[in-house]
Amino acid sequence: MVLQILFRFAVGGLFVSGFAILGNLFKPKSFAGLFGAAPSLALATLALTIATDGISYATIEARSMLAGAVAFFFYARLAMILLAHYKAPTKFVTSALLVVWLQIAFALWFVASKVRL
């Protein structure tokens, strides 16, 4: 158990460090945080899932990650529109759009679970 936890830390750290280096190579420097977070953690999680549970289970995880990413795109786009153009209250917009994100993510996950690729 302890060895598996240490392995997870090592793999996660390698992915985060690698993507942080990539982020520093590109302009603007704000990409470093973007590259260092979501893609690296998703890839580390998928690598560990493949190692522990196999490719078929990792495929399900990857589909779920894609559904969440697409749903987050809509969340961010709607938040940008409501906050920038309509000057809506930030706490209300971000809280209300969490419900929208969940609905889109679960709908996409449901559709993806029914489709065999």
PDB file of N, CA and C in Angstrom:
ATOM      1  N   MET A   1       0.819  -1.196   0.000  1.00  0.00           N
ATOM      2  CA  MET A   1       0.000   0.000   0.000  1.00  0.00           C
ATOM      3  C   MET A   1       0.867   1.265   0.000  1.00  0.00           C
ATOM      4  N   VAL A   2       1.870   1.302   0.858  1.00  0.00           N
ATOM      5  CA  VAL A   2       2.755   2.463   0.934  1.00  0.00           C
ATOM      6  C   VAL A   2       3.546   2.609  -0.359  1.00  0.00           C
ATOM      7  N   LEU A   3       3.976   1.478  -0.927  1.00  0.00           N
ATOM      8  CA  LEU A   3       4.715   1.518  -2.183  1.00  0.00           C
ATOM      9  C   LEU A   3       3.853   2.068  -3.317  1.00  0.00           C
ATOM     10  N   GLN A   4       2.589   1.690  -3.329  1.00  0.00           N
ATOM     11  CA  GLN A   4       1.680   2.199  -4.361  1.00  0.00           C
ATOM     12  C   GLN A   4       1.468   3.706  -4.215  1.00  0.00           C
ATOM     13  N   ILE A   5       1.351   4.201  -3.008  1.00  0.00           N
ATOM     14  CA  ILE A   5       1.189   5.637  -2.773  1.00  0.00           C
ATOM     15  C   ILE A   5       2.438   6.393  -3.222  1.00  0.00           C
ATOM     16  N   LEU A   6       3.619   5.865  -2.913  1.00  0.00           N
ATOM     17  CA  LEU A   6       4.857   6.497  -3.351  1.00  0.00           C
ATOM     18  C   LEU A   6       4.960   6.497  -4.877  1.00  0.00           C
ATOM     19  N   PHE A   7       4.526   5.409  -5.504  1.00  0.00           N
ATOM     20  CA  PHE A   7       4.520   5.337  -6.964  1.00  0.00           C
ATOM     21  C   PHE A   7       3.593   6.394  -7.544  1.00  0.00           C
ATOM     22  N   ARG A   8       2.423   6.565  -6.948  1.00  0.00           N
ATOM     23  CA  ARG A   8       1.472   7.580  -7.420  1.00  0.00           C
ATOM     24  C   ARG A   8       2.066   8.982  -7.306  1.00  0.00           C
ATOM     25  N   PHE A   9       2.721   9.275  -6.199  1.00  0.00           N
ATOM     26  CA  PHE A   9       3.362  10.578  -6.031  1.00  0.00           C
ATOM     27  C   PHE A   9       4.447  10.794  -7.083  1.00  0.00           C
ATOM     28  N   ALA A  10       5.247   9.771  -7.334  1.00  0.00           N
ATOM     29  CA  ALA A  10       6.336   9.900  -8.300  1.00  0.00           C
ATOM     30  C   ALA A  10       5.805  10.127  -9.710  1.00  0.00           C
ATOM     31  N   VAL A  11       4.827   9.326 -10.128  1.00  0.00           N
ATOM     32  CA  VAL A  11       4.267   9.476 -11.471  1.00  0.00           C
ATOM     33  C   VAL A  11       3.573  10.826 -11.611  1.00  0.00           C
ATOM     34  N   GLY A  12       2.773  11.186 -10.628  1.00  0.00           N
ATOM     35  CA  GLY A  12       2.088  12.486 -10.659  1.00  0.00           C
ATOM     36  C   GLY A  12       3.070  13.641 -10.716  1.00  0.00           C
ATOM     37  N   GLY A  13       4.126  13.557  -9.924  1.00  0.00           N
ATOM     38  CA  GLY A  13       5.141  14.610  -9.917  1.00  0.00           C
ATOM     39  C   GLY A  13       5.877  14.732 -11.240  1.00  0.00           C
ATOM     40  N   LEU A  14       6.178  13.598 -11.857  1.00  0.00           N
ATOM     41  CA  LEU A  14       6.851  13.630 -13.161  1.00  0.00           C
ATOM     42  C   LEU A  14       5.972  14.281 -14.224  1.00  0.00           C
ATOM     43  N   PHE A  15       4.696  13.924 -14.256  1.00  0.00           N
ATOM     44  CA  PHE A  15       3.795  14.519 -15.240  1.00  0.00           C
ATOM     45  C   PHE A  15       3.614  16.018 -14.997  1.00  0.00           C
ATOM     46  N   VAL A  16       3.394  16.405 -13.757  1.00  0.00           N
ATOM     47  CA  VAL A  16       3.209  17.826 -13.444  1.00  0.00           C
ATOM     48  C   VAL A  16       4.464  18.615 -13.794  1.00  0.00           C
ATOM     49  N   SER A  17       5.632  18.093 -13.440  1.00  0.00           N
ATOM     50  CA  SER A  17       6.883  18.786 -13.745  1.00  0.00           C
ATOM     51  C   SER A  17       7.112  18.896 -15.249  1.00  0.00           C
ATOM     52  N   GLY A  18       6.838  17.828 -15.977  1.00  0.00           N
ATOM     53  CA  GLY A  18       7.007  17.854 -17.425  1.00  0.00           C
ATOM     54  C   GLY A  18       6.107  18.878 -18.097  1.00  0.00           C
ATOM     55  N   PHE A  19       4.858  18.924 -17.699  1.00  0.00           N
ATOM     56  CA  PHE A  19       3.945  19.900 -18.291  1.00  0.00           C
ATOM     57  C   PHE A  19       4.266  21.322 -17.842  1.00  0.00           C
ATOM     58  N   ALA A  20       4.768  21.491 -16.622  1.00  0.00           N
ATOM     59  CA  ALA A  20       5.179  22.831 -16.171  1.00  0.00           C
ATOM     60  C   ALA A  20       6.354  23.332 -17.002  1.00  0.00           C
ATOM     61  N   ILE A  21       7.278  22.448 -17.342  1.00  0.00           N
ATOM     62  CA  ILE A  21       8.399  22.834 -18.200  1.00  0.00           C
ATOM     63  C   ILE A  21       7.889  23.236 -19.575  1.00  0.00           C
ATOM     64  N   LEU A  22       6.963  22.447 -20.132  1.00  0.00           N
ATOM     65  CA  LEU A  22       6.368  22.805 -21.425  1.00  0.00           C
ATOM     66  C   LEU A  22       5.668  24.155 -21.356  1.00  0.00           C
ATOM     67  N   GLY A  23       4.946  24.392 -20.272  1.00  0.00           N
ATOM     68  CA  GLY A  23       4.247  25.658 -20.113  1.00  0.00           C
ATOM     69  C   GLY A  23       5.183  26.844 -20.059  1.00  0.00           C
ATOM     70  N   ASN A  24       6.349  26.660 -19.478  1.00  0.00           N
ATOM     71  CA  ASN A  24       7.331  27.748 -19.408  1.00  0.00           C
ATOM     72  C   ASN A  24       7.975  28.046 -20.750  1.00  0.00           C
ATOM     73  N   LEU A  25       7.925  27.102 -21.664  1.00  0.00           N
ATOM     74  CA  LEU A  25       8.517  27.308 -22.985  1.00  0.00           C
ATOM     75  C   LEU A  25       7.654  28.184 -23.881  1.00  0.00           C
ATOM     76  N   PHE A  26       6.358  28.260 -23.590  1.00  0.00           N
ATOM     77  CA  PHE A  26       5.433  28.996 -24.443  1.00  0.00           C
ATOM     78  C   PHE A  26       5.069  30.342 -23.827  1.00  0.00           C
ATOM     79  N   LYS A  27       4.625  31.244 -24.678  1.00  0.00           N
ATOM     80  CA  LYS A  27       4.156  32.548 -24.230  1.00  0.00           C
ATOM     81  C   LYS A  27       2.650  32.587 -24.356  1.00  0.00           C
ATOM     82  N   PRO A  28       1.894  33.222 -23.544  1.00  0.00           N
ATOM     83  CA  PRO A  28       2.264  33.892 -22.296  1.00  0.00           C
ATOM     84  C   PRO A  28       2.573  32.880 -21.188  1.00  0.00           C
ATOM     85  N   LYS A  29       3.236  33.360 -20.174  1.00  0.00           N
ATOM     86  CA  LYS A  29       3.654  32.493 -19.075  1.00  0.00           C
ATOM     87  C   LYS A  29       2.480  31.942 -18.272  1.00  0.00           C
ATOM     88  N   SER A  30       1.281  32.498 -18.453  1.00  0.00           N
ATOM     89  CA  SER A  30       0.114  31.984 -17.740  1.00  0.00           C
ATOM     90  C   SER A  30      -0.234  30.571 -18.188  1.00  0.00           C
ATOM     91  N   PHE A  31       0.300  30.140 -19.349  1.00  0.00           N
ATOM     92  CA  PHE A  31       0.070  28.776 -19.800  1.00  0.00           C
ATOM     93  C   PHE A  31       0.757  27.761 -18.889  1.00  0.00           C
ATOM     94  N   ALA A  32       1.777  28.178 -18.158  1.00  0.00           N
ATOM     95  CA  ALA A  32       2.500  27.251 -17.285  1.00  0.00           C
ATOM     96  C   ALA A  32       1.553  26.639 -16.258  1.00  0.00           C
ATOM     97  N   GLY A  33       0.712  27.445 -15.666  1.00  0.00           N
ATOM     98  CA  GLY A  33      -0.250  26.926 -14.700  1.00  0.00           C
ATOM     99  C   GLY A  33      -1.279  26.020 -15.338  1.00  0.00           C
ATOM    100  N   LEU A  34      -1.717  26.395 -16.522  1.00  0.00           N
ATOM    101  CA  LEU A  34      -2.699  25.586 -17.247  1.00  0.00           C
ATOM    102  C   LEU A  34      -2.117  24.235 -17.627  1.00  0.00           C
ATOM    103  N   PHE A  35      -0.907  24.242 -18.178  1.00  0.00           N
ATOM    104  CA  PHE A  35      -0.268  22.989 -18.566  1.00  0.00           C
ATOM    105  C   PHE A  35       0.123  22.150 -17.355  1.00  0.00           C
ATOM    106  N   GLY A  36       0.444  22.804 -16.253  1.00  0.00           N
ATOM    107  CA  GLY A  36       0.890  22.079 -15.070  1.00  0.00           C
ATOM    108  C   GLY A  36      -0.222  21.440 -14.282  1.00  0.00           C
ATOM    109  N   ALA A  37      -1.459  21.775 -14.593  1.00  0.00           N
ATOM    110  CA  ALA A  37      -2.568  21.271 -13.777  1.00  0.00           C
ATOM    111  C   ALA A  37      -3.329  20.147 -14.461  1.00  0.00           C
ATOM    112  N   ALA A  38      -4.346  20.494 -15.188  1.00  0.00           N
ATOM    113  CA  ALA A  38      -5.303  19.505 -15.688  1.00  0.00           C
ATOM    114  C   ALA A  38      -4.704  18.432 -16.591  1.00  0.00           C
ATOM    115  N   PRO A  39      -3.973  18.772 -17.650  1.00  0.00           N
ATOM    116  CA  PRO A  39      -3.486  17.693 -18.527  1.00  0.00           C
ATOM    117  C   PRO A  39      -2.539  16.732 -17.822  1.00  0.00           C
ATOM    118  N   SER A  40      -1.664  17.269 -16.996  1.00  0.00           N
ATOM    119  CA  SER A  40      -0.692  16.408 -16.347  1.00  0.00           C
ATOM    120  C   SER A  40      -1.355  15.484 -15.338  1.00  0.00           C
ATOM    121  N   LEU A  41      -2.294  15.996 -14.592  1.00  0.00           N
ATOM    122  CA  LEU A  41      -2.983  15.148 -13.623  1.00  0.00           C
ATOM    123  C   LEU A  41      -3.861  14.119 -14.307  1.00  0.00           C
ATOM    124  N   ALA A  42      -4.492  14.491 -15.411  1.00  0.00           N
ATOM    125  CA  ALA A  42      -5.316  13.539 -16.148  1.00  0.00           C
ATOM    126  C   ALA A  42      -4.454  12.418 -16.714  1.00  0.00           C
ATOM    127  N   LEU A  43      -3.320  12.756 -17.305  1.00  0.00           N
ATOM    128  CA  LEU A  43      -2.443  11.728 -17.858  1.00  0.00           C
ATOM    129  C   LEU A  43      -1.843  10.848 -16.768  1.00  0.00           C
ATOM    130  N   ALA A  44      -1.477  11.436 -15.653  1.00  0.00           N
ATOM    131  CA  ALA A  44      -0.946  10.642 -14.542  1.00  0.00           C
ATOM    132  C   ALA A  44      -2.012   9.687 -14.020  1.00  0.00           C
ATOM    133  N   THR A  45      -3.234  10.178 -13.892  1.00  0.00           N
ATOM    134  CA  THR A  45      -4.329   9.324 -13.427  1.00  0.00           C
ATOM    135  C   THR A  45      -4.581   8.188 -14.401  1.00  0.00           C
ATOM    136  N   LEU A  46      -4.587   8.487 -15.699  1.00  0.00           N
ATOM    137  CA  LEU A  46      -4.802   7.432 -16.693  1.00  0.00           C
ATOM    138  C   LEU A  46      -3.660   6.415 -16.683  1.00  0.00           C
ATOM    139  N   ALA A  47      -2.431   6.880 -16.551  1.00  0.00           N
ATOM    140  CA  ALA A  47      -1.298   5.958 -16.505  1.00  0.00           C
ATOM    141  C   ALA A  47      -1.391   5.028 -15.304  1.00  0.00           C
ATOM    142  N   LEU A  48      -1.744   5.579 -14.168  1.00  0.00           N
ATOM    143  CA  LEU A  48      -1.876   4.754 -12.962  1.00  0.00           C
ATOM    144  C   LEU A  48      -3.072   3.812 -13.067  1.00  0.00           C
ATOM    145  N   THR A  49      -4.143   4.277 -13.693  1.00  0.00           N
ATOM    146  CA  THR A  49      -5.318   3.426 -13.861  1.00  0.00           C
ATOM    147  C   THR A  49      -4.998   2.256 -14.782  1.00  0.00           C
ATOM    148  N   ILE A  50      -4.266   2.522 -15.855  1.00  0.00           N
ATOM    149  CA  ILE A  50      -3.859   1.438 -16.756  1.00  0.00           C
ATOM    150  C   ILE A  50      -2.986   0.435 -16.004  1.00  0.00           C
ATOM    151  N   ALA A  51      -2.058   0.940 -15.197  1.00  0.00           N
ATOM    152  CA  ALA A  51      -1.146   0.057 -14.468  1.00  0.00           C
ATOM    153  C   ALA A  51      -1.871  -0.792 -13.427  1.00  0.00           C
ATOM    154  N   THR A  52      -2.891  -0.242 -12.799  1.00  0.00           N
ATOM    155  CA  THR A  52      -3.554  -0.972 -11.717  1.00  0.00           C
ATOM    156  C   THR A  52      -4.827  -1.695 -12.149  1.00  0.00           C
ATOM    157  N   ASP A  53      -5.604  -1.100 -13.060  1.00  0.00           N
ATOM    158  CA  ASP A  53      -6.911  -1.667 -13.392  1.00  0.00           C
ATOM    159  C   ASP A  53      -7.061  -2.104 -14.845  1.00  0.00           C
ATOM    160  N   GLY A  54      -6.109  -1.795 -15.693  1.00  0.00           N
ATOM    161  CA  GLY A  54      -6.165  -2.222 -17.079  1.00  0.00           C
ATOM    162  C   GLY A  54      -6.696  -1.161 -18.030  1.00  0.00           C
ATOM    163  N   ILE A  55      -6.531  -1.445 -19.319  1.00  0.00           N
ATOM    164  CA  ILE A  55      -6.874  -0.474 -20.358  1.00  0.00           C
ATOM    165  C   ILE A  55      -8.376  -0.259 -20.474  1.00  0.00           C
ATOM    166  N   SER A  56      -9.162  -1.318 -20.323  1.00  0.00           N
ATOM    167  CA  SER A  56     -10.616  -1.156 -20.502  1.00  0.00           C
ATOM    168  C   SER A  56     -11.203  -0.222 -19.446  1.00  0.00           C
ATOM    169  N   TYR A  57     -10.734  -0.328 -18.215  1.00  0.00           N
ATOM    170  CA  TYR A  57     -11.214   0.571 -17.173  1.00  0.00           C
ATOM    171  C   TYR A  57     -10.711   1.998 -17.414  1.00  0.00           C
ATOM    172  N   ALA A  58      -9.475   2.124 -17.889  1.00  0.00           N
ATOM    173  CA  ALA A  58      -8.916   3.448 -18.181  1.00  0.00           C
ATOM    174  C   ALA A  58      -9.681   4.124 -19.313  1.00  0.00           C
ATOM    175  N   THR A  59     -10.203   3.340 -20.250  1.00  0.00           N
ATOM    176  CA  THR A  59     -11.010   3.897 -21.330  1.00  0.00           C
ATOM    177  C   THR A  59     -12.261   4.570 -20.779  1.00  0.00           C
ATOM    178  N   ILE A  60     -12.886   3.934 -19.822  1.00  0.00           N
ATOM    179  CA  ILE A  60     -14.073   4.521 -19.181  1.00  0.00           C
ATOM    180  C   ILE A  60     -13.697   5.813 -18.458  1.00  0.00           C
ATOM    181  N   GLU A  61     -12.569   5.781 -17.770  1.00  0.00           N
ATOM    182  CA  GLU A  61     -12.091   6.984 -17.080  1.00  0.00           C
ATOM    183  C   GLU A  61     -11.815   8.110 -18.069  1.00  0.00           C
ATOM    184  N   ALA A  62     -11.204   7.788 -19.195  1.00  0.00           N
ATOM    185  CA  ALA A  62     -10.879   8.811 -20.199  1.00  0.00           C
ATOM    186  C   ALA A  62     -12.145   9.424 -20.781  1.00  0.00           C
ATOM    187  N   ARG A  63     -13.157   8.601 -21.044  1.00  0.00           N
ATOM    188  CA  ARG A  63     -14.436   9.133 -21.538  1.00  0.00           C
ATOM    189  C   ARG A  63     -15.055  10.082 -20.523  1.00  0.00           C
ATOM    190  N   SER A  64     -14.977   9.721 -19.263  1.00  0.00           N
ATOM    191  CA  SER A  64     -15.523  10.585 -18.213  1.00  0.00           C
ATOM    192  C   SER A  64     -14.764  11.900 -18.142  1.00  0.00           C
ATOM    193  N   MET A  65     -13.445  11.839 -18.295  1.00  0.00           N
ATOM    194  CA  MET A  65     -12.636  13.061 -18.290  1.00  0.00           C
ATOM    195  C   MET A  65     -12.984  13.963 -19.469  1.00  0.00           C
ATOM    196  N   LEU A  66     -13.191  13.366 -20.635  1.00  0.00           N
ATOM    197  CA  LEU A  66     -13.563  14.160 -21.807  1.00  0.00           C
ATOM    198  C   LEU A  66     -14.931  14.811 -21.623  1.00  0.00           C
ATOM    199  N   ALA A  67     -15.871  14.084 -21.069  1.00  0.00           N
ATOM    200  CA  ALA A  67     -17.197  14.663 -20.814  1.00  0.00           C
ATOM    201  C   ALA A  67     -17.087  15.839 -19.848  1.00  0.00           C
ATOM    202  N   GLY A  68     -16.287  15.678 -18.801  1.00  0.00           N
ATOM    203  CA  GLY A  68     -16.088  16.767 -17.853  1.00  0.00           C
ATOM    204  C   GLY A  68     -15.402  17.970 -18.470  1.00  0.00           C
ATOM    205  N   ALA A  69     -14.447  17.733 -19.364  1.00  0.00           N
ATOM    206  CA  ALA A  69     -13.733  18.835 -20.020  1.00  0.00           C
ATOM    207  C   ALA A  69     -14.650  19.611 -20.956  1.00  0.00           C
ATOM    208  N   VAL A  70     -15.468  18.908 -21.719  1.00  0.00           N
ATOM    209  CA  VAL A  70     -16.417  19.588 -22.613  1.00  0.00           C
ATOM    210  C   VAL A  70     -17.425  20.384 -21.791  1.00  0.00           C
ATOM    211  N   ALA A  71     -17.915  19.781 -20.716  1.00  0.00           N
ATOM    212  CA  ALA A  71     -18.860  20.485 -19.853  1.00  0.00           C
ATOM    213  C   ALA A  71     -18.213  21.716 -19.223  1.00  0.00           C
ATOM    214  N   PHE A  72     -16.941  21.611 -18.849  1.00  0.00           N
ATOM    215  CA  PHE A  72     -16.244  22.757 -18.278  1.00  0.00           C
ATOM    216  C   PHE A  72     -16.080  23.874 -19.294  1.00  0.00           C
ATOM    217  N   PHE A  73     -15.866  23.524 -20.567  1.00  0.00           N
ATOM    218  CA  PHE A  73     -15.781  24.545 -21.607  1.00  0.00           C
ATOM    219  C   PHE A  73     -17.074  25.369 -21.633  1.00  0.00           C
ATOM    220  N   PHE A  74     -18.222  24.700 -21.606  1.00  0.00           N
ATOM    221  CA  PHE A  74     -19.495  25.413 -21.612  1.00  0.00           C
ATOM    222  C   PHE A  74     -19.683  26.234 -20.340  1.00  0.00           C
ATOM    223  N   TYR A  75     -19.262  25.683 -19.205  1.00  0.00           N
ATOM    224  CA  TYR A  75     -19.313  26.416 -17.943  1.00  0.00           C
ATOM    225  C   TYR A  75     -18.511  27.716 -18.051  1.00  0.00           C
ATOM    226  N   ALA A  76     -17.267  27.608 -18.527  1.00  0.00           N
ATOM    227  CA  ALA A  76     -16.393  28.775 -18.626  1.00  0.00           C
ATOM    228  C   ALA A  76     -16.923  29.790 -19.630  1.00  0.00           C
ATOM    229  N   ARG A  77     -17.434  29.310 -20.746  1.00  0.00           N
ATOM    230  CA  ARG A  77     -17.964  30.214 -21.783  1.00  0.00           C
ATOM    231  C   ARG A  77     -19.188  30.964 -21.262  1.00  0.00           C
ATOM    232  N   LEU A  78     -20.096  30.248 -20.631  1.00  0.00           N
ATOM    233  CA  LEU A  78     -21.286  30.900 -20.076  1.00  0.00           C
ATOM    234  C   LEU A  78     -20.918  31.872 -18.957  1.00  0.00           C
ATOM    235  N   ALA A  79     -19.971  31.485 -18.125  1.00  0.00           N
ATOM    236  CA  ALA A  79     -19.527  32.386 -17.057  1.00  0.00           C
ATOM    237  C   ALA A  79     -18.927  33.658 -17.631  1.00  0.00           C
ATOM    238  N   MET A  80     -18.126  33.509 -18.675  1.00  0.00           N
ATOM    239  CA  MET A  80     -17.523  34.679 -19.316  1.00  0.00           C
ATOM    240  C   MET A  80     -18.599  35.608 -19.874  1.00  0.00           C
ATOM    241  N   ILE A  81     -19.590  35.037 -20.535  1.00  0.00           N
ATOM    242  CA  ILE A  81     -20.666  35.861 -21.115  1.00  0.00           C
ATOM    243  C   ILE A  81     -21.449  36.566 -20.017  1.00  0.00           C
ATOM    244  N   LEU A  82     -21.854  35.822 -19.006  1.00  0.00           N
ATOM    245  CA  LEU A  82     -22.675  36.420 -17.945  1.00  0.00           C
ATOM    246  C   LEU A  82     -21.914  37.455 -17.128  1.00  0.00           C
ATOM    247  N   LEU A  83     -20.651  37.189 -16.870  1.00  0.00           N
ATOM    248  CA  LEU A  83     -19.869  38.123 -16.052  1.00  0.00           C
ATOM    249  C   LEU A  83     -19.414  39.346 -16.839  1.00  0.00           C
ATOM    250  N   ALA A  84     -18.978  39.151 -18.071  1.00  0.00           N
ATOM    251  CA  ALA A  84     -18.435  40.267 -18.848  1.00  0.00           C
ATOM    252  C   ALA A  84     -19.518  41.131 -19.478  1.00  0.00           C
ATOM    253  N   HIS A  85     -20.503  40.497 -20.065  1.00  0.00           N
ATOM    254  CA  HIS A  85     -21.502  41.263 -20.818  1.00  0.00           C
ATOM    255  C   HIS A  85     -22.682  41.730 -19.964  1.00  0.00           C
ATOM    256  N   TYR A  86     -23.074  40.914 -19.015  1.00  0.00           N
ATOM    257  CA  TYR A  86     -24.264  41.255 -18.226  1.00  0.00           C
ATOM    258  C   TYR A  86     -23.949  41.715 -16.818  1.00  0.00           C
ATOM    259  N   LYS A  87     -22.665  41.694 -16.446  1.00  0.00           N
ATOM    260  CA  LYS A  87     -22.215  42.162 -15.122  1.00  0.00           C
ATOM    261  C   LYS A  87     -22.990  41.491 -13.988  1.00  0.00           C
ATOM    262  N   ALA A  88     -23.264  40.206 -14.147  1.00  0.00           N
ATOM    263  CA  ALA A  88     -23.991  39.454 -13.123  1.00  0.00           C
ATOM    264  C   ALA A  88     -23.081  39.229 -11.909  1.00  0.00           C
ATOM    265  N   PRO A  89     -23.680  39.028 -10.736  1.00  0.00           N
ATOM    266  CA  PRO A  89     -22.881  38.790  -9.520  1.00  0.00           C
ATOM    267  C   PRO A  89     -22.062  37.494  -9.634  1.00  0.00           C
ATOM    268  N   THR A  90     -20.802  37.581  -9.311  1.00  0.00           N
ATOM    269  CA  THR A  90     -19.874  36.463  -9.492  1.00  0.00           C
ATOM    270  C   THR A  90     -20.277  35.231  -8.703  1.00  0.00           C
ATOM    271  N   LYS A  91     -20.603  35.395  -7.434  1.00  0.00           N
ATOM    272  CA  LYS A  91     -20.974  34.243  -6.605  1.00  0.00           C
ATOM    273  C   LYS A  91     -22.200  33.531  -7.154  1.00  0.00           C
ATOM    274  N   PHE A  92     -23.171  34.292  -7.594  1.00  0.00           N
ATOM    275  CA  PHE A  92     -24.386  33.689  -8.146  1.00  0.00           C
ATOM    276  C   PHE A  92     -24.093  32.943  -9.439  1.00  0.00           C
ATOM    277  N   VAL A  93     -23.342  33.570 -10.346  1.00  0.00           N
ATOM    278  CA  VAL A  93     -23.057  32.964 -11.653  1.00  0.00           C
ATOM    279  C   VAL A  93     -22.260  31.673 -11.484  1.00  0.00           C
ATOM    280  N   THR A  94     -21.182  31.723 -10.735  1.00  0.00           N
ATOM    281  CA  THR A  94     -20.343  30.533 -10.592  1.00  0.00           C
ATOM    282  C   THR A  94     -21.072  29.408  -9.864  1.00  0.00           C
ATOM    283  N   SER A  95     -21.884  29.742  -8.882  1.00  0.00           N
ATOM    284  CA  SER A  95     -22.646  28.715  -8.175  1.00  0.00           C
ATOM    285  C   SER A  95     -23.734  28.109  -9.056  1.00  0.00           C
ATOM    286  N   ALA A  96     -24.470  28.948  -9.741  1.00  0.00           N
ATOM    287  CA  ALA A  96     -25.551  28.460 -10.598  1.00  0.00           C
ATOM    288  C   ALA A  96     -25.014  27.639 -11.766  1.00  0.00           C
ATOM    289  N   LEU A  97     -23.885  28.045 -12.310  1.00  0.00           N
ATOM    290  CA  LEU A  97     -23.341  27.326 -13.452  1.00  0.00           C
ATOM    291  C   LEU A  97     -22.740  25.976 -13.081  1.00  0.00           C
ATOM    292  N   LEU A  98     -22.478  25.736 -11.799  1.00  0.00           N
ATOM    293  CA  LEU A  98     -22.050  24.404 -11.386  1.00  0.00           C
ATOM    294  C   LEU A  98     -23.133  23.373 -11.697  1.00  0.00           C
ATOM    295  N   VAL A  99     -24.376  23.775 -11.530  1.00  0.00           N
ATOM    296  CA  VAL A  99     -25.498  22.888 -11.859  1.00  0.00           C
ATOM    297  C   VAL A  99     -25.508  22.608 -13.360  1.00  0.00           C
ATOM    298  N   VAL A 100     -25.264  23.641 -14.150  1.00  0.00           N
ATOM    299  CA  VAL A 100     -25.212  23.481 -15.612  1.00  0.00           C
ATOM    300  C   VAL A 100     -24.062  22.549 -15.987  1.00  0.00           C
ATOM    301  N   TRP A 101     -22.892  22.743 -15.369  1.00  0.00           N
ATOM    302  CA  TRP A 101     -21.747  21.886 -15.646  1.00  0.00           C
ATOM    303  C   TRP A 101     -22.078  20.428 -15.337  1.00  0.00           C
ATOM    304  N   LEU A 102     -22.684  20.180 -14.191  1.00  0.00           N
ATOM    305  CA  LEU A 102     -23.036  18.808 -13.822  1.00  0.00           C
ATOM    306  C   LEU A 102     -24.026  18.198 -14.809  1.00  0.00           C
ATOM    307  N   GLN A 103     -25.022  18.966 -15.213  1.00  0.00           N
ATOM    308  CA  GLN A 103     -26.015  18.445 -16.154  1.00  0.00           C
ATOM    309  C   GLN A 103     -25.371  18.090 -17.494  1.00  0.00           C
ATOM    310  N   ILE A 104     -24.526  18.966 -18.010  1.00  0.00           N
ATOM    311  CA  ILE A 104     -23.863  18.703 -19.286  1.00  0.00           C
ATOM    312  C   ILE A 104     -22.919  17.507 -19.156  1.00  0.00           C
ATOM    313  N   ALA A 105     -22.138  17.466 -18.075  1.00  0.00           N
ATOM    314  CA  ALA A 105     -21.178  16.373 -17.887  1.00  0.00           C
ATOM    315  C   ALA A 105     -21.893  15.029 -17.791  1.00  0.00           C
ATOM    316  N   PHE A 106     -22.962  14.964 -17.003  1.00  0.00           N
ATOM    317  CA  PHE A 106     -23.680  13.699 -16.872  1.00  0.00           C
ATOM    318  C   PHE A 106     -24.395  13.304 -18.152  1.00  0.00           C
ATOM    319  N   ALA A 107     -24.924  14.282 -18.883  1.00  0.00           N
ATOM    320  CA  ALA A 107     -25.582  13.972 -20.163  1.00  0.00           C
ATOM    321  C   ALA A 107     -24.556  13.421 -21.153  1.00  0.00           C
ATOM    322  N   LEU A 108     -23.394  14.057 -21.248  1.00  0.00           N
ATOM    323  CA  LEU A 108     -22.351  13.563 -22.147  1.00  0.00           C
ATOM    324  C   LEU A 108     -21.831  12.204 -21.713  1.00  0.00           C
ATOM    325  N   TRP A 109     -21.670  12.017 -20.418  1.00  0.00           N
ATOM    326  CA  TRP A 109     -21.213  10.727 -19.897  1.00  0.00           C
ATOM    327  C   TRP A 109     -22.230   9.636 -20.220  1.00  0.00           C
ATOM    328  N   PHE A 110     -23.508   9.948 -20.062  1.00  0.00           N
ATOM    329  CA  PHE A 110     -24.556   8.976 -20.356  1.00  0.00           C
ATOM    330  C   PHE A 110     -24.540   8.595 -21.833  1.00  0.00           C
ATOM    331  N   VAL A 111     -24.432   9.580 -22.708  1.00  0.00           N
ATOM    332  CA  VAL A 111     -24.383   9.304 -24.145  1.00  0.00           C
ATOM    333  C   VAL A 111     -23.127   8.506 -24.487  1.00  0.00           C
ATOM    334  N   ALA A 112     -21.996   8.877 -23.915  1.00  0.00           N
ATOM    335  CA  ALA A 112     -20.745   8.171 -24.198  1.00  0.00           C
ATOM    336  C   ALA A 112     -20.789   6.733 -23.671  1.00  0.00           C
ATOM    337  N   SER A 113     -21.486   6.511 -22.584  1.00  0.00           N
ATOM    338  CA  SER A 113     -21.555   5.149 -22.033  1.00  0.00           C
ATOM    339  C   SER A 113     -22.433   4.237 -22.887  1.00  0.00           C
ATOM    340  N   LYS A 114     -23.339   4.822 -23.662  1.00  0.00           N
ATOM    341  CA  LYS A 114     -24.216   4.033 -24.530  1.00  0.00           C
ATOM    342  C   LYS A 114     -23.592   3.739 -25.892  1.00  0.00           C
ATOM    343  N   VAL A 115     -22.600   4.552 -26.279  1.00  0.00           N
ATOM    344  CA  VAL A 115     -21.957   4.405 -27.582  1.00  0.00           C
ATOM    345  C   VAL A 115     -20.718   3.557 -27.418  1.00  0.00           C
ATOM    346  N   ARG A 116     -20.587   2.536 -28.215  1.00  0.00           N
ATOM    347  CA  ARG A 116     -19.397   1.676 -28.195  1.00  0.00           C
ATOM    348  C   ARG A 116     -18.442   2.125 -29.274  1.00  0.00           C
ATOM    349  N   LEU A 117     -17.251   2.525 -28.883  1.00  0.00           N
ATOM    350  CA  LEU A 117     -16.234   2.930 -29.870  1.00  0.00           C
ATOM    351  C   LEU A 117     -15.154   1.884 -29.988  1.00  0.00           C
TER     352      LEU A 117
END
